[in-house]
C-alpha cells in the first residue's frame, strides 16, 4: 500500500484501510463524481452509547487538518482527533454478519455492540 504524508504529524496519525475498505472508498468517490479537492474524512464525534462515535465521510480539506494519502485516496483528519485514532484500521465488510465499514481501534478501552461507539 502506497502511503504519502503531506504533514509531518501524519506519521503519528495515520490510520490504515484494508484492501476491501480502499476498494469501497474508491467506488464511493467515483460514483459521487466530485470536483477536485475532496477526499475521505476520518474522525470522531462525542456521543454514542460508549462515549464517542467514529465519523467517516466525504469532505474537503480544512486548514487545520492533517492530510495523508493511502493508495491514491486523500484522507483528512482533525489534529485534535489524533489521540483517539492512532493505529486504527478501517475495513469494509459485505457479509451476512457484518455489512459496511468497521473500525479496529487499539486505543478503545471499550466498544458498544454495534462497533461504531467507543470509549478511551
C-alpha atoms as a PDB file:
ATOM      1  CA  UNK A   1       0.000   0.000   0.000  1.00  0.00           C
ATOM      2  CA  UNK A   2       1.338   3.405  -1.027  1.00  0.00           C
ATOM      3  CA  UNK A   3       1.395   5.996   1.782  1.00  0.00           C
ATOM      4  CA  UNK A   4       2.290   9.621   1.064  1.00  0.00           C
ATOM      5  CA  UNK A   5       2.418  12.004   4.021  1.00  0.00           C
ATOM      6  CA  UNK A   6       1.604  15.662   3.379  1.00  0.00           C
ATOM      7  CA  UNK A   7       2.085  16.675   7.006  1.00  0.00           C
ATOM      8  CA  UNK A   8       4.897  15.542   9.345  1.00  0.00           C
ATOM      9  CA  UNK A   9       2.346  14.985  12.131  1.00  0.00           C
ATOM     10  CA  UNK A  10       0.574  12.485   9.864  1.00  0.00           C
ATOM     11  CA  UNK A  11       3.350   9.982  10.557  1.00  0.00           C
ATOM     12  CA  UNK A  12       1.799   9.662  14.011  1.00  0.00           C
ATOM     13  CA  UNK A  13      -1.836   9.977  12.983  1.00  0.00           C
ATOM     14  CA  UNK A  14      -2.078   7.567  10.105  1.00  0.00           C
ATOM     15  CA  UNK A  15      -4.990   5.181  10.134  1.00  0.00           C
ATOM     16  CA  UNK A  16      -4.922   2.236   7.777  1.00  0.00           C
ATOM     17  CA  UNK A  17      -7.504   0.974   5.338  1.00  0.00           C
ATOM     18  CA  UNK A  18      -7.768  -2.670   4.371  1.00  0.00           C
ATOM     19  CA  UNK A  19      -7.888  -3.576   0.675  1.00  0.00           C
ATOM     20  CA  UNK A  20     -11.687  -4.003   0.962  1.00  0.00           C
ATOM     21  CA  UNK A  21     -12.048  -0.538   2.513  1.00  0.00           C
ATOM     22  CA  UNK A  22      -9.845   1.029  -0.176  1.00  0.00           C
ATOM     23  CA  UNK A  23     -11.934  -0.618  -2.900  1.00  0.00           C
ATOM     24  CA  UNK A  24     -15.209   0.614  -1.358  1.00  0.00           C
ATOM     25  CA  UNK A  25     -13.954   4.178  -0.746  1.00  0.00           C
ATOM     26  CA  UNK A  26     -12.700   4.436  -4.337  1.00  0.00           C
ATOM     27  CA  UNK A  27     -16.071   3.152  -5.565  1.00  0.00           C
ATOM     28  CA  UNK A  28     -17.955   5.742  -3.480  1.00  0.00           C
ATOM     29  CA  UNK A  29     -15.696   8.593  -4.601  1.00  0.00           C
ATOM     30  CA  UNK A  30     -16.062   7.578  -8.263  1.00  0.00           C
ATOM     31  CA  UNK A  31     -19.855   7.300  -8.006  1.00  0.00           C
ATOM     32  CA  UNK A  32     -20.147  10.775  -6.489  1.00  0.00           C
ATOM     33  CA  UNK A  33     -18.148  12.344  -9.356  1.00  0.00           C
ATOM     34  CA  UNK A  34     -16.752  15.011  -7.036  1.00  0.00           C
ATOM     35  CA  UNK A  35     -14.811  18.052  -8.068  1.00  0.00           C
ATOM     36  CA  UNK A  36     -11.108  18.359  -7.252  1.00  0.00           C
ATOM     37  CA  UNK A  37     -10.154  18.687  -3.600  1.00  0.00           C
ATOM     38  CA  UNK A  38     -12.442  16.118  -1.999  1.00  0.00           C
ATOM     39  CA  UNK A  39     -11.271  13.135  -0.006  1.00  0.00           C
ATOM     40  CA  UNK A  40     -12.168  10.846   2.878  1.00  0.00           C
ATOM     41  CA  UNK A  41     -12.644  12.469   6.287  1.00  0.00           C
ATOM     42  CA  UNK A  42     -11.903  10.250   9.286  1.00  0.00           C
ATOM     43  CA  UNK A  43     -12.701  11.479  12.768  1.00  0.00           C
ATOM     44  CA  UNK A  44     -14.668  11.135  15.983  1.00  0.00           C
ATOM     45  CA  UNK A  45     -17.749  12.765  17.475  1.00  0.00           C
ATOM     46  CA  UNK A  46     -18.965  12.875  21.045  1.00  0.00           C
ATOM     47  CA  UNK A  47     -21.949  10.649  21.754  1.00  0.00           C
ATOM     48  CA  UNK A  48     -22.964   7.072  21.272  1.00  0.00           C
ATOM     49  CA  UNK A  49     -23.556   4.510  23.970  1.00  0.00           C
ATOM     50  CA  UNK A  50     -19.818   4.221  24.785  1.00  0.00           C
ATOM     51  CA  UNK A  51     -18.973   7.941  24.706  1.00  0.00           C
ATOM     52  CA  UNK A  52     -17.577   8.603  21.217  1.00  0.00           C
ATOM     53  CA  UNK A  53     -18.553   7.582  17.694  1.00  0.00           C
ATOM     54  CA  UNK A  54     -16.493   7.274  14.536  1.00  0.00           C
ATOM     55  CA  UNK A  55     -17.040   9.770  11.736  1.00  0.00           C
ATOM     56  CA  UNK A  56     -16.371   8.737   8.159  1.00  0.00           C
ATOM     57  CA  UNK A  57     -17.418  10.753   5.142  1.00  0.00           C
ATOM     58  CA  UNK A  58     -16.522  12.647   2.001  1.00  0.00           C
ATOM     59  CA  UNK A  59     -15.298  16.198   2.584  1.00  0.00           C
ATOM     60  CA  UNK A  60     -12.855  18.913   1.553  1.00  0.00           C
ATOM     61  CA  UNK A  61      -9.663  19.572   3.478  1.00  0.00           C
ATOM     62  CA  UNK A  62      -9.872  22.231   6.160  1.00  0.00           C
ATOM     63  CA  UNK A  63      -6.964  24.476   7.088  1.00  0.00           C
ATOM     64  CA  UNK A  64      -6.271  22.721  10.399  1.00  0.00           C
ATOM     65  CA  UNK A  65      -6.483  19.160   9.046  1.00  0.00           C
ATOM     66  CA  UNK A  66      -3.762  16.592   8.835  1.00  0.00           C
ATOM     67  CA  UNK A  67      -3.679  15.062   5.352  1.00  0.00           C
ATOM     68  CA  UNK A  68      -2.217  11.806   4.143  1.00  0.00           C
ATOM     69  CA  UNK A  69      -2.764   9.635   1.097  1.00  0.00           C
ATOM     70  CA  UNK A  70      -3.354   5.887   1.050  1.00  0.00           C
ATOM     71  CA  UNK A  71      -3.400   4.121  -2.304  1.00  0.00           C
ATOM     72  CA  UNK A  72      -4.398   7.338  -4.068  1.00  0.00           C
ATOM     73  CA  UNK A  73      -7.130   8.272  -1.558  1.00  0.00           C
ATOM     74  CA  UNK A  74      -6.718  11.665   0.124  1.00  0.00           C
ATOM     75  CA  UNK A  75      -7.541  11.316   3.827  1.00  0.00           C
ATOM     76  CA  UNK A  76      -8.270  14.281   6.092  1.00  0.00           C
ATOM     77  CA  UNK A  77      -8.348  14.239   9.866  1.00  0.00           C
ATOM     78  CA  UNK A  78      -8.524  16.948  12.506  1.00  0.00           C
ATOM     79  CA  UNK A  79      -5.317  17.039  14.538  1.00  0.00           C
ATOM     80  CA  UNK A  80      -7.359  17.020  17.758  1.00  0.00           C
ATOM     81  CA  UNK A  81      -8.675  13.538  16.847  1.00  0.00           C
ATOM     82  CA  UNK A  82      -5.169  12.082  16.672  1.00  0.00           C
ATOM     83  CA  UNK A  83      -5.079  10.687  20.194  1.00  0.00           C
ATOM     84  CA  UNK A  84      -8.263   8.704  19.556  1.00  0.00           C
ATOM     85  CA  UNK A  85      -7.343   7.273  16.159  1.00  0.00           C
ATOM     86  CA  UNK A  86      -3.605   6.413  16.159  1.00  0.00           C
ATOM     87  CA  UNK A  87      -3.205   2.924  14.730  1.00  0.00           C
ATOM     88  CA  UNK A  88      -6.873   2.428  13.832  1.00  0.00           C
ATOM     89  CA  UNK A  89      -7.716   0.107  10.945  1.00  0.00           C
ATOM     90  CA  UNK A  90     -10.804   0.671   8.821  1.00  0.00           C
ATOM     91  CA  UNK A  91     -12.261  -2.303   6.982  1.00  0.00           C
ATOM     92  CA  UNK A  92     -15.304  -2.792   4.785  1.00  0.00           C
ATOM     93  CA  UNK A  93     -17.327  -5.966   5.071  1.00  0.00           C
ATOM     94  CA  UNK A  94     -20.120  -7.183   2.851  1.00  0.00           C
ATOM     95  CA  UNK A  95     -21.090 -10.415   4.545  1.00  0.00           C
ATOM     96  CA  UNK A  96     -24.079 -11.833   6.363  1.00  0.00           C
ATOM     97  CA  UNK A  97     -22.777 -10.996   9.853  1.00  0.00           C
ATOM     98  CA  UNK A  98     -21.413  -7.541   9.106  1.00  0.00           C
ATOM     99  CA  UNK A  99     -22.066  -5.006   6.370  1.00  0.00           C
ATOM    100  CA  UNK A 100     -20.385  -1.651   5.911  1.00  0.00           C
ATOM    101  CA  UNK A 101     -17.301  -0.050   7.378  1.00  0.00           C
ATOM    102  CA  UNK A 102     -15.849  -1.465  10.584  1.00  0.00           C
ATOM    103  CA  UNK A 103     -13.250   0.041  12.901  1.00  0.00           C
ATOM    104  CA  UNK A 104     -10.491  -1.702  14.812  1.00  0.00           C
ATOM    105  CA  UNK A 105      -9.100   0.841  17.251  1.00  0.00           C
ATOM    106  CA  UNK A 106      -6.249  -0.136  19.612  1.00  0.00           C
ATOM    107  CA  UNK A 107      -6.961   2.988  21.712  1.00  0.00           C
ATOM    108  CA  UNK A 108     -10.522   1.969  22.615  1.00  0.00           C
ATOM    109  CA  UNK A 109     -10.943   0.715  26.169  1.00  0.00           C
ATOM    110  CA  UNK A 110     -14.494  -0.439  25.445  1.00  0.00           C
ATOM    111  CA  UNK A 111     -16.870  -0.549  22.499  1.00  0.00           C
ATOM    112  CA  UNK A 112     -20.600  -0.944  22.006  1.00  0.00           C
ATOM    113  CA  UNK A 113     -22.245  -3.924  20.391  1.00  0.00           C
ATOM    114  CA  UNK A 114     -22.624  -2.237  17.007  1.00  0.00           C
ATOM    115  CA  UNK A 115     -18.903  -1.331  16.823  1.00  0.00           C
ATOM    116  CA  UNK A 116     -19.404   2.342  15.976  1.00  0.00           C
ATOM    117  CA  UNK A 117     -19.156   3.727  19.513  1.00  0.00           C
ATOM    118  CA  UNK A 118     -16.144   3.508  21.806  1.00  0.00           C
ATOM    119  CA  UNK A 119     -14.525   4.826  24.996  1.00  0.00           C
ATOM    120  CA  UNK A 120     -10.889   5.713  25.651  1.00  0.00           C
END
